[in-house]
């Protein structure tokens, strides 16, 4: 039980930091993604499912990196978003990654709607704050790390790792 809590904390804590930094600074520091990857490496021996399982998780992280890199090159995602998405992808297998992508997309769409509406209707008196200027005046900028984290946290309870560590 304690081990499950610690592993969950290793997964959740860096995602919360990513949310905070992306929300406040529109940036996800490299160390956050490094902590997500290192936490996976620490957790792996505790939930070892064999080389096949390990390969599957590495493939998911790699595929998400390649797809994210393409989206970054097309200016569809920021570099921090790509690194966060691919490092989170290490925690999920093929059965979970589609749910992760779906939930991330849905949360991203909701965030995009909030930003579109906010950019049109934010009162002028609020535009003076640094946060509001970053969020609602920056055309095309969106803290997608929030959507990635929300998607990951939605899928986490039913993931292979979470189920293995909780049993």
C-alpha atoms as a PDB file:
ATOM      1  CA  UNK A   1       0.000   0.000   0.000  1.00  0.00           C
ATOM      2  CA  UNK A   2       2.788   2.427   0.945  1.00  0.00           C
ATOM      3  CA  UNK A   3       4.733   1.393  -2.150  1.00  0.00           C
ATOM      4  CA  UNK A   4       1.700   2.143  -4.325  1.00  0.00           C
ATOM      5  CA  UNK A   5       1.426   5.599  -2.780  1.00  0.00           C
ATOM      6  CA  UNK A   6       5.126   6.312  -3.359  1.00  0.00           C
ATOM      7  CA  UNK A   7       4.998   5.180  -7.003  1.00  0.00           C
ATOM      8  CA  UNK A   8       1.864   7.217  -7.608  1.00  0.00           C
ATOM      9  CA  UNK A   9       3.572  10.236  -6.050  1.00  0.00           C
ATOM     10  CA  UNK A  10       6.602   9.693  -8.313  1.00  0.00           C
ATOM     11  CA  UNK A  11       4.243   9.836 -11.288  1.00  0.00           C
ATOM     12  CA  UNK A  12       1.945  12.647 -10.134  1.00  0.00           C
ATOM     13  CA  UNK A  13       4.368  15.131  -8.543  1.00  0.00           C
ATOM     14  CA  UNK A  14       6.334  16.045 -11.686  1.00  0.00           C
ATOM     15  CA  UNK A  15       3.073  16.342 -13.629  1.00  0.00           C
ATOM     16  CA  UNK A  16       1.834  18.885 -11.085  1.00  0.00           C
ATOM     17  CA  UNK A  17       5.077  20.822 -11.476  1.00  0.00           C
ATOM     18  CA  UNK A  18       4.638  20.722 -15.262  1.00  0.00           C
ATOM     19  CA  UNK A  19       1.113  22.095 -14.887  1.00  0.00           C
ATOM     20  CA  UNK A  20       2.284  24.902 -12.652  1.00  0.00           C
ATOM     21  CA  UNK A  21       5.239  25.972 -14.800  1.00  0.00           C
ATOM     22  CA  UNK A  22       3.347  25.684 -18.079  1.00  0.00           C
ATOM     23  CA  UNK A  23       0.389  27.578 -16.622  1.00  0.00           C
ATOM     24  CA  UNK A  24       2.473  30.366 -15.093  1.00  0.00           C
ATOM     25  CA  UNK A  25       5.417  30.605 -17.497  1.00  0.00           C
ATOM     26  CA  UNK A  26       4.232  28.812 -20.658  1.00  0.00           C
ATOM     27  CA  UNK A  27       7.269  26.571 -20.298  1.00  0.00           C
ATOM     28  CA  UNK A  28       7.955  23.018 -19.121  1.00  0.00           C
ATOM     29  CA  UNK A  29      11.517  22.730 -17.815  1.00  0.00           C
ATOM     30  CA  UNK A  30      13.617  19.848 -19.146  1.00  0.00           C
ATOM     31  CA  UNK A  31      14.232  18.565 -15.624  1.00  0.00           C
ATOM     32  CA  UNK A  32      10.513  17.832 -15.195  1.00  0.00           C
ATOM     33  CA  UNK A  33      10.516  15.382 -18.105  1.00  0.00           C
ATOM     34  CA  UNK A  34      13.815  13.942 -16.848  1.00  0.00           C
ATOM     35  CA  UNK A  35      12.213  13.305 -13.434  1.00  0.00           C
ATOM     36  CA  UNK A  36       9.251  11.554 -15.117  1.00  0.00           C
ATOM     37  CA  UNK A  37      11.693   9.295 -17.003  1.00  0.00           C
ATOM     38  CA  UNK A  38      13.864   8.663 -13.936  1.00  0.00           C
ATOM     39  CA  UNK A  39      10.771   7.837 -11.872  1.00  0.00           C
ATOM     40  CA  UNK A  40       9.782   5.284 -14.506  1.00  0.00           C
ATOM     41  CA  UNK A  41      13.260   3.757 -14.316  1.00  0.00           C
ATOM     42  CA  UNK A  42      13.046   3.553 -10.503  1.00  0.00           C
ATOM     43  CA  UNK A  43       9.564   2.055 -10.640  1.00  0.00           C
ATOM     44  CA  UNK A  44      10.309  -0.484 -13.374  1.00  0.00           C
ATOM     45  CA  UNK A  45      12.031  -3.099 -11.172  1.00  0.00           C
ATOM     46  CA  UNK A  46       9.116  -2.932  -8.719  1.00  0.00           C
ATOM     47  CA  UNK A  47       6.583  -3.750 -11.427  1.00  0.00           C
ATOM     48  CA  UNK A  48       8.713  -5.849 -13.763  1.00  0.00           C
ATOM     49  CA  UNK A  49       6.564  -7.548 -16.373  1.00  0.00           C
ATOM     50  CA  UNK A  50       9.427  -9.002 -18.399  1.00  0.00           C
ATOM     51  CA  UNK A  51      11.368  -7.831 -21.430  1.00  0.00           C
ATOM     52  CA  UNK A  52       8.257  -7.851 -23.616  1.00  0.00           C
ATOM     53  CA  UNK A  53       6.495  -5.452 -21.266  1.00  0.00           C
ATOM     54  CA  UNK A  54       9.625  -3.278 -20.999  1.00  0.00           C
ATOM     55  CA  UNK A  55       9.930  -3.148 -24.798  1.00  0.00           C
ATOM     56  CA  UNK A  56       6.295  -2.161 -25.144  1.00  0.00           C
ATOM     57  CA  UNK A  57       6.689   0.784 -22.761  1.00  0.00           C
ATOM     58  CA  UNK A  58       9.892   1.917 -24.464  1.00  0.00           C
ATOM     59  CA  UNK A  59       8.171   1.691 -27.855  1.00  0.00           C
ATOM     60  CA  UNK A  60       5.237   3.799 -26.657  1.00  0.00           C
ATOM     61  CA  UNK A  61       7.604   6.492 -25.362  1.00  0.00           C
ATOM     62  CA  UNK A  62       9.583   6.397 -28.606  1.00  0.00           C
ATOM     63  CA  UNK A  63       6.522   6.556 -30.842  1.00  0.00           C
ATOM     64  CA  UNK A  64       5.122   9.489 -28.884  1.00  0.00           C
ATOM     65  CA  UNK A  65       8.473  11.251 -29.210  1.00  0.00           C
ATOM     66  CA  UNK A  66       8.585  10.761 -32.992  1.00  0.00           C
ATOM     67  CA  UNK A  67       4.966  11.892 -33.456  1.00  0.00           C
ATOM     68  CA  UNK A  68       5.545  14.797 -31.081  1.00  0.00           C
ATOM     69  CA  UNK A  69       8.715  15.792 -32.919  1.00  0.00           C
ATOM     70  CA  UNK A  70       6.772  15.917 -36.175  1.00  0.00           C
ATOM     71  CA  UNK A  71       4.087  18.056 -34.501  1.00  0.00           C
ATOM     72  CA  UNK A  72       6.819  20.313 -33.074  1.00  0.00           C
ATOM     73  CA  UNK A  73       8.357  20.709 -36.546  1.00  0.00           C
ATOM     74  CA  UNK A  74       4.915  21.699 -37.858  1.00  0.00           C
ATOM     75  CA  UNK A  75       4.603  24.178 -34.955  1.00  0.00           C
ATOM     76  CA  UNK A  76       1.693  22.207 -33.478  1.00  0.00           C
ATOM     77  CA  UNK A  77       3.353  21.519 -30.111  1.00  0.00           C
ATOM     78  CA  UNK A  78       6.063  23.100 -28.035  1.00  0.00           C
ATOM     79  CA  UNK A  79       9.306  21.247 -27.342  1.00  0.00           C
ATOM     80  CA  UNK A  80       8.476  20.937 -23.636  1.00  0.00           C
ATOM     81  CA  UNK A  81       5.124  19.393 -24.514  1.00  0.00           C
ATOM     82  CA  UNK A  82       6.824  16.802 -26.734  1.00  0.00           C
ATOM     83  CA  UNK A  83       9.325  15.858 -24.040  1.00  0.00           C
ATOM     84  CA  UNK A  84       6.634  15.630 -21.363  1.00  0.00           C
ATOM     85  CA  UNK A  85       4.310  13.597 -23.589  1.00  0.00           C
ATOM     86  CA  UNK A  86       7.010  11.091 -24.552  1.00  0.00           C
ATOM     87  CA  UNK A  87       8.316  10.707 -20.998  1.00  0.00           C
ATOM     88  CA  UNK A  88       4.771  10.140 -19.711  1.00  0.00           C
ATOM     89  CA  UNK A  89       4.317   7.640 -22.543  1.00  0.00           C
ATOM     90  CA  UNK A  90       6.968   5.423 -20.943  1.00  0.00           C
ATOM     91  CA  UNK A  91       4.532   4.741 -18.114  1.00  0.00           C
ATOM     92  CA  UNK A  92       1.857   3.391 -20.471  1.00  0.00           C
ATOM     93  CA  UNK A  93       1.594   0.307 -22.658  1.00  0.00           C
ATOM     94  CA  UNK A  94      -0.092   0.020 -26.042  1.00  0.00           C
ATOM     95  CA  UNK A  95      -3.471  -0.673 -24.436  1.00  0.00           C
ATOM     96  CA  UNK A  96      -3.334   2.574 -22.462  1.00  0.00           C
ATOM     97  CA  UNK A  97      -1.676   4.941 -24.906  1.00  0.00           C
ATOM     98  CA  UNK A  98      -4.782   5.374 -27.054  1.00  0.00           C
ATOM     99  CA  UNK A  99      -6.786   6.394 -23.974  1.00  0.00           C
ATOM    100  CA  UNK A 100      -3.967   8.747 -22.986  1.00  0.00           C
ATOM    101  CA  UNK A 101      -4.004  10.373 -26.426  1.00  0.00           C
ATOM    102  CA  UNK A 102      -7.807  10.582 -26.451  1.00  0.00           C
ATOM    103  CA  UNK A 103      -8.057  12.170 -22.994  1.00  0.00           C
ATOM    104  CA  UNK A 104      -5.163  14.525 -23.698  1.00  0.00           C
ATOM    105  CA  UNK A 105      -6.866  15.621 -26.921  1.00  0.00           C
ATOM    106  CA  UNK A 106     -10.203  16.156 -25.164  1.00  0.00           C
ATOM    107  CA  UNK A 107      -8.625  18.154 -22.335  1.00  0.00           C
ATOM    108  CA  UNK A 108      -6.619  20.103 -24.921  1.00  0.00           C
ATOM    109  CA  UNK A 109      -9.791  20.916 -26.879  1.00  0.00           C
ATOM    110  CA  UNK A 110     -11.513  22.136 -23.710  1.00  0.00           C
ATOM    111  CA  UNK A 111      -8.485  24.270 -22.837  1.00  0.00           C
ATOM    112  CA  UNK A 112      -8.414  25.629 -26.381  1.00  0.00           C
ATOM    113  CA  UNK A 113     -12.074  26.648 -26.133  1.00  0.00           C
ATOM    114  CA  UNK A 114     -11.444  28.416 -22.833  1.00  0.00           C
ATOM    115  CA  UNK A 115      -8.548  30.303 -24.399  1.00  0.00           C
ATOM    116  CA  UNK A 116     -10.508  31.226 -27.521  1.00  0.00           C
ATOM    117  CA  UNK A 117     -13.427  32.525 -25.500  1.00  0.00           C
ATOM    118  CA  UNK A 118     -11.125  34.202 -22.983  1.00  0.00           C
ATOM    119  CA  UNK A 119      -9.117  35.937 -25.705  1.00  0.00           C
ATOM    120  CA  UNK A 120     -12.289  37.416 -27.059  1.00  0.00           C
ATOM    121  CA  UNK A 121     -14.061  38.318 -23.822  1.00  0.00           C
ATOM    122  CA  UNK A 122     -11.449  38.905 -21.097  1.00  0.00           C
ATOM    123  CA  UNK A 123     -12.203  42.281 -19.520  1.00  0.00           C
ATOM    124  CA  UNK A 124      -9.681  45.016 -20.207  1.00  0.00           C
ATOM    125  CA  UNK A 125      -9.129  45.550 -16.471  1.00  0.00           C
ATOM    126  CA  UNK A 126      -7.744  42.012 -16.199  1.00  0.00           C
ATOM    127  CA  UNK A 127      -5.404  42.385 -19.141  1.00  0.00           C
ATOM    128  CA  UNK A 128      -2.853  44.219 -17.011  1.00  0.00           C
ATOM    129  CA  UNK A 129      -1.778  41.149 -15.048  1.00  0.00           C
ATOM    130  CA  UNK A 130       1.211  39.163 -16.280  1.00  0.00           C
ATOM    131  CA  UNK A 131      -0.677  35.867 -16.163  1.00  0.00           C
ATOM    132  CA  UNK A 132      -3.671  37.147 -18.129  1.00  0.00           C
ATOM    133  CA  UNK A 133      -1.389  38.723 -20.723  1.00  0.00           C
ATOM    134  CA  UNK A 134       0.421  35.412 -21.235  1.00  0.00           C
ATOM    135  CA  UNK A 135      -2.730  33.330 -21.362  1.00  0.00           C
ATOM    136  CA  UNK A 136      -5.151  35.480 -23.261  1.00  0.00           C
ATOM    137  CA  UNK A 137      -3.036  37.846 -25.326  1.00  0.00           C
ATOM    138  CA  UNK A 138      -0.539  35.357 -26.728  1.00  0.00           C
ATOM    139  CA  UNK A 139      -2.126  34.261 -29.967  1.00  0.00           C
ATOM    140  CA  UNK A 140      -1.430  30.619 -30.661  1.00  0.00           C
ATOM    141  CA  UNK A 141       0.229  29.903 -27.308  1.00  0.00           C
ATOM    142  CA  UNK A 142      -1.446  27.317 -25.139  1.00  0.00           C
ATOM    143  CA  UNK A 143      -0.173  25.589 -21.994  1.00  0.00           C
ATOM    144  CA  UNK A 144      -0.713  22.103 -23.431  1.00  0.00           C
ATOM    145  CA  UNK A 145       1.198  20.576 -20.523  1.00  0.00           C
ATOM    146  CA  UNK A 146      -2.056  20.934 -18.577  1.00  0.00           C
ATOM    147  CA  UNK A 147      -3.872  18.729 -21.095  1.00  0.00           C
ATOM    148  CA  UNK A 148      -1.030  16.186 -21.185  1.00  0.00           C
ATOM    149  CA  UNK A 149      -0.988  15.963 -17.391  1.00  0.00           C
ATOM    150  CA  UNK A 150      -4.782  15.722 -17.156  1.00  0.00           C
ATOM    151  CA  UNK A 151      -4.826  12.956 -19.775  1.00  0.00           C
ATOM    152  CA  UNK A 152      -2.071  11.057 -17.961  1.00  0.00           C
ATOM    153  CA  UNK A 153      -3.771  11.374 -14.578  1.00  0.00           C
ATOM    154  CA  UNK A 154      -7.059  10.161 -16.043  1.00  0.00           C
ATOM    155  CA  UNK A 155      -5.465   7.011 -17.465  1.00  0.00           C
ATOM    156  CA  UNK A 156      -3.086   6.338 -14.551  1.00  0.00           C
ATOM    157  CA  UNK A 157      -5.465   4.399 -12.221  1.00  0.00           C
ATOM    158  CA  UNK A 158      -6.103   1.723 -14.879  1.00  0.00           C
ATOM    159  CA  UNK A 159      -2.539   1.513 -16.214  1.00  0.00           C
ATOM    160  CA  UNK A 160      -0.449  -1.661 -16.073  1.00  0.00           C
ATOM    161  CA  UNK A 161       1.993  -0.090 -13.646  1.00  0.00           C
ATOM    162  CA  UNK A 162      -0.662   1.267 -11.284  1.00  0.00           C
ATOM    163  CA  UNK A 163      -2.528  -2.049 -11.244  1.00  0.00           C
ATOM    164  CA  UNK A 164       0.713  -4.013 -10.706  1.00  0.00           C
ATOM    165  CA  UNK A 165       1.895  -1.819  -7.861  1.00  0.00           C
ATOM    166  CA  UNK A 166      -1.472  -1.694  -6.100  1.00  0.00           C
ATOM    167  CA  UNK A 167      -2.011  -5.468  -6.066  1.00  0.00           C
END
